[in-house]
């Protein structure tokens, strides 16, 4: 299972060239995968900001949250549910965690494939460190 890309309303299985997360989803590049299904892959961040730092990556290739539309409401909702499930699996749900999306250059986005950071396992400060 690799990435999918949407053209109008049709979704096609296509790996986007040079997209790190598409390559991870298709297993061209190794990663510490903790969960995967037909719609998502969840990996451990290689530079964790906390004891638990997972990346929740939809298999559909959208460069950022700005590219989503009303037809993506299901996938966006499923990200929230998957984050809660992963938090329970990683034993961080009870004490709390942070779910973050970095959007665009000023938002700190460095990989232009929509993804969310699930961060926890320690007391998190505000503003983020």
C-alpha atoms as a PDB file:
ATOM      1  CA  UNK A   1       0.000   0.000   0.000  1.00  0.00           C
ATOM      2  CA  UNK A   2       1.432   3.301  -1.051  1.00  0.00           C
ATOM      3  CA  UNK A   3      -0.086   6.753  -1.327  1.00  0.00           C
ATOM      4  CA  UNK A   4      -3.185   7.855  -3.161  1.00  0.00           C
ATOM      5  CA  UNK A   5      -3.735  11.155  -4.874  1.00  0.00           C
ATOM      6  CA  UNK A   6      -7.068  12.741  -5.698  1.00  0.00           C
ATOM      7  CA  UNK A   7      -7.853  14.157  -9.114  1.00  0.00           C
ATOM      8  CA  UNK A   8     -11.184  15.996  -8.869  1.00  0.00           C
ATOM      9  CA  UNK A   9     -13.369  13.479  -6.995  1.00  0.00           C
ATOM     10  CA  UNK A  10     -11.535  10.343  -8.135  1.00  0.00           C
ATOM     11  CA  UNK A  11      -8.812   8.862  -5.932  1.00  0.00           C
ATOM     12  CA  UNK A  12      -5.992   7.020  -7.689  1.00  0.00           C
ATOM     13  CA  UNK A  13      -3.130   4.990  -6.232  1.00  0.00           C
ATOM     14  CA  UNK A  14      -0.102   7.062  -7.181  1.00  0.00           C
ATOM     15  CA  UNK A  15       3.130   7.700  -5.306  1.00  0.00           C
ATOM     16  CA  UNK A  16       4.077  11.362  -5.485  1.00  0.00           C
ATOM     17  CA  UNK A  17       7.708  11.592  -6.622  1.00  0.00           C
ATOM     18  CA  UNK A  18      10.120  12.759  -3.932  1.00  0.00           C
ATOM     19  CA  UNK A  19       7.479  12.715  -1.177  1.00  0.00           C
ATOM     20  CA  UNK A  20       9.115  11.211   1.893  1.00  0.00           C
ATOM     21  CA  UNK A  21       5.822  10.085   3.424  1.00  0.00           C
ATOM     22  CA  UNK A  22       4.591   8.501   0.167  1.00  0.00           C
ATOM     23  CA  UNK A  23       7.857   6.545   0.087  1.00  0.00           C
ATOM     24  CA  UNK A  24       7.404   5.479   3.717  1.00  0.00           C
ATOM     25  CA  UNK A  25       3.789   4.454   3.037  1.00  0.00           C
ATOM     26  CA  UNK A  26       4.906   2.312   0.082  1.00  0.00           C
ATOM     27  CA  UNK A  27       7.829   0.952   2.160  1.00  0.00           C
ATOM     28  CA  UNK A  28      10.451   2.283  -0.249  1.00  0.00           C
ATOM     29  CA  UNK A  29      12.021   3.952   2.798  1.00  0.00           C
ATOM     30  CA  UNK A  30      12.128   2.130   6.147  1.00  0.00           C
ATOM     31  CA  UNK A  31      10.410   3.622   9.175  1.00  0.00           C
ATOM     32  CA  UNK A  32       9.316   2.501  12.631  1.00  0.00           C
ATOM     33  CA  UNK A  33       5.697   1.752  11.721  1.00  0.00           C
ATOM     34  CA  UNK A  34       3.463   1.279  14.764  1.00  0.00           C
ATOM     35  CA  UNK A  35       0.153   1.030  12.883  1.00  0.00           C
ATOM     36  CA  UNK A  36      -1.102   0.886   9.324  1.00  0.00           C
ATOM     37  CA  UNK A  37      -4.303   0.228   7.446  1.00  0.00           C
ATOM     38  CA  UNK A  38      -5.723   1.090   4.022  1.00  0.00           C
ATOM     39  CA  UNK A  39      -6.051   4.803   4.888  1.00  0.00           C
ATOM     40  CA  UNK A  40      -3.200   5.581   7.306  1.00  0.00           C
ATOM     41  CA  UNK A  41       0.315   4.791   8.373  1.00  0.00           C
ATOM     42  CA  UNK A  42       1.554   5.777  11.850  1.00  0.00           C
ATOM     43  CA  UNK A  43       5.293   5.976  12.506  1.00  0.00           C
ATOM     44  CA  UNK A  44       7.613   7.027  15.314  1.00  0.00           C
ATOM     45  CA  UNK A  45       9.230  10.421  14.721  1.00  0.00           C
ATOM     46  CA  UNK A  46      12.985  10.135  14.144  1.00  0.00           C
ATOM     47  CA  UNK A  47      13.569  13.308  16.213  1.00  0.00           C
ATOM     48  CA  UNK A  48      11.063  12.928  19.045  1.00  0.00           C
ATOM     49  CA  UNK A  49      10.027  15.997  21.029  1.00  0.00           C
ATOM     50  CA  UNK A  50       8.769  13.781  23.875  1.00  0.00           C
ATOM     51  CA  UNK A  51       8.988  10.146  25.004  1.00  0.00           C
ATOM     52  CA  UNK A  52       6.056   9.396  22.666  1.00  0.00           C
ATOM     53  CA  UNK A  53       6.092  11.214  19.335  1.00  0.00           C
ATOM     54  CA  UNK A  54       4.116   9.585  16.538  1.00  0.00           C
ATOM     55  CA  UNK A  55       3.312  10.866  13.058  1.00  0.00           C
ATOM     56  CA  UNK A  56      -0.179  10.057  11.776  1.00  0.00           C
ATOM     57  CA  UNK A  57       0.010  10.098   7.988  1.00  0.00           C
ATOM     58  CA  UNK A  58      -2.969   9.675   5.665  1.00  0.00           C
ATOM     59  CA  UNK A  59      -2.199   7.595   2.604  1.00  0.00           C
ATOM     60  CA  UNK A  60      -3.989  10.150   0.436  1.00  0.00           C
ATOM     61  CA  UNK A  61      -1.407  12.733  -0.614  1.00  0.00           C
ATOM     62  CA  UNK A  62      -2.482  16.240   0.317  1.00  0.00           C
ATOM     63  CA  UNK A  63       0.361  18.732   0.659  1.00  0.00           C
ATOM     64  CA  UNK A  64      -1.145  20.447   3.700  1.00  0.00           C
ATOM     65  CA  UNK A  65      -4.329  21.096   5.632  1.00  0.00           C
ATOM     66  CA  UNK A  66      -4.923  23.986   3.211  1.00  0.00           C
ATOM     67  CA  UNK A  67      -5.530  21.458   0.410  1.00  0.00           C
ATOM     68  CA  UNK A  68      -8.384  19.723   2.207  1.00  0.00           C
ATOM     69  CA  UNK A  69     -12.005  20.218   1.238  1.00  0.00           C
ATOM     70  CA  UNK A  70     -15.443  19.083   2.349  1.00  0.00           C
ATOM     71  CA  UNK A  71     -14.796  15.693   0.757  1.00  0.00           C
ATOM     72  CA  UNK A  72     -11.951  15.141   3.255  1.00  0.00           C
ATOM     73  CA  UNK A  73     -14.129  15.480   6.358  1.00  0.00           C
ATOM     74  CA  UNK A  74     -14.131  11.699   6.926  1.00  0.00           C
ATOM     75  CA  UNK A  75     -10.349  11.381   6.771  1.00  0.00           C
ATOM     76  CA  UNK A  76      -9.885  14.393   9.060  1.00  0.00           C
ATOM     77  CA  UNK A  77     -12.298  12.924  11.597  1.00  0.00           C
ATOM     78  CA  UNK A  78     -10.624   9.530  11.360  1.00  0.00           C
ATOM     79  CA  UNK A  79      -7.288  11.175  12.189  1.00  0.00           C
ATOM     80  CA  UNK A  80      -8.770  12.387  15.486  1.00  0.00           C
ATOM     81  CA  UNK A  81     -10.135   8.933  16.323  1.00  0.00           C
ATOM     82  CA  UNK A  82      -6.878   7.234  15.339  1.00  0.00           C
ATOM     83  CA  UNK A  83      -4.921   9.691  17.508  1.00  0.00           C
ATOM     84  CA  UNK A  84      -7.066   8.775  20.525  1.00  0.00           C
ATOM     85  CA  UNK A  85      -6.578   5.063  19.798  1.00  0.00           C
ATOM     86  CA  UNK A  86      -2.800   5.483  19.437  1.00  0.00           C
ATOM     87  CA  UNK A  87      -2.667   7.515  22.669  1.00  0.00           C
ATOM     88  CA  UNK A  88      -4.319   4.609  24.491  1.00  0.00           C
ATOM     89  CA  UNK A  89      -1.987   2.102  22.837  1.00  0.00           C
ATOM     90  CA  UNK A  90       1.051   4.167  23.861  1.00  0.00           C
ATOM     91  CA  UNK A  91      -0.275   4.614  27.430  1.00  0.00           C
ATOM     92  CA  UNK A  92      -0.436   8.416  27.260  1.00  0.00           C
ATOM     93  CA  UNK A  93      -4.218   8.893  27.075  1.00  0.00           C
ATOM     94  CA  UNK A  94      -4.843   9.142  30.811  1.00  0.00           C
ATOM     95  CA  UNK A  95      -2.304  11.907  31.526  1.00  0.00           C
ATOM     96  CA  UNK A  96      -2.857  13.763  28.261  1.00  0.00           C
ATOM     97  CA  UNK A  97      -1.126  14.469  24.992  1.00  0.00           C
ATOM     98  CA  UNK A  98      -0.944  16.989  22.176  1.00  0.00           C
ATOM     99  CA  UNK A  99      -2.144  16.509  18.578  1.00  0.00           C
ATOM    100  CA  UNK A 100      -0.470  19.013  16.242  1.00  0.00           C
ATOM    101  CA  UNK A 101      -0.632  19.885  12.558  1.00  0.00           C
ATOM    102  CA  UNK A 102       2.028  22.228  11.205  1.00  0.00           C
ATOM    103  CA  UNK A 103       0.661  24.028   8.133  1.00  0.00           C
ATOM    104  CA  UNK A 104       2.870  26.017   5.783  1.00  0.00           C
ATOM    105  CA  UNK A 105       6.318  27.498   6.291  1.00  0.00           C
ATOM    106  CA  UNK A 106       5.347  29.883   9.077  1.00  0.00           C
ATOM    107  CA  UNK A 107       3.487  27.061  10.819  1.00  0.00           C
ATOM    108  CA  UNK A 108       6.657  24.973  10.876  1.00  0.00           C
ATOM    109  CA  UNK A 109       5.690  22.463   8.176  1.00  0.00           C
ATOM    110  CA  UNK A 110       8.794  20.754   6.800  1.00  0.00           C
ATOM    111  CA  UNK A 111       7.286  17.810   4.883  1.00  0.00           C
ATOM    112  CA  UNK A 112       4.546  18.729   2.454  1.00  0.00           C
ATOM    113  CA  UNK A 113       2.305  15.716   2.965  1.00  0.00           C
ATOM    114  CA  UNK A 114      -0.526  16.239   5.446  1.00  0.00           C
ATOM    115  CA  UNK A 115       0.328  14.650   8.796  1.00  0.00           C
ATOM    116  CA  UNK A 116      -0.295  15.109  12.494  1.00  0.00           C
ATOM    117  CA  UNK A 117       2.105  14.811  15.417  1.00  0.00           C
ATOM    118  CA  UNK A 118       0.862  12.892  18.470  1.00  0.00           C
ATOM    119  CA  UNK A 119       3.120  13.979  21.336  1.00  0.00           C
ATOM    120  CA  UNK A 120       3.053  12.895  24.974  1.00  0.00           C
ATOM    121  CA  UNK A 121       4.631  10.893  27.736  1.00  0.00           C
ATOM    122  CA  UNK A 122       5.746  13.957  29.725  1.00  0.00           C
ATOM    123  CA  UNK A 123       4.327  17.246  30.987  1.00  0.00           C
ATOM    124  CA  UNK A 124       4.108  19.500  27.933  1.00  0.00           C
ATOM    125  CA  UNK A 125       4.578  23.232  28.320  1.00  0.00           C
ATOM    126  CA  UNK A 126       2.957  26.171  26.583  1.00  0.00           C
ATOM    127  CA  UNK A 127       4.053  27.689  24.358  1.00  0.00           C
ATOM    128  CA  UNK A 128       5.565  24.533  22.834  1.00  0.00           C
ATOM    129  CA  UNK A 129       9.270  24.042  23.395  1.00  0.00           C
END
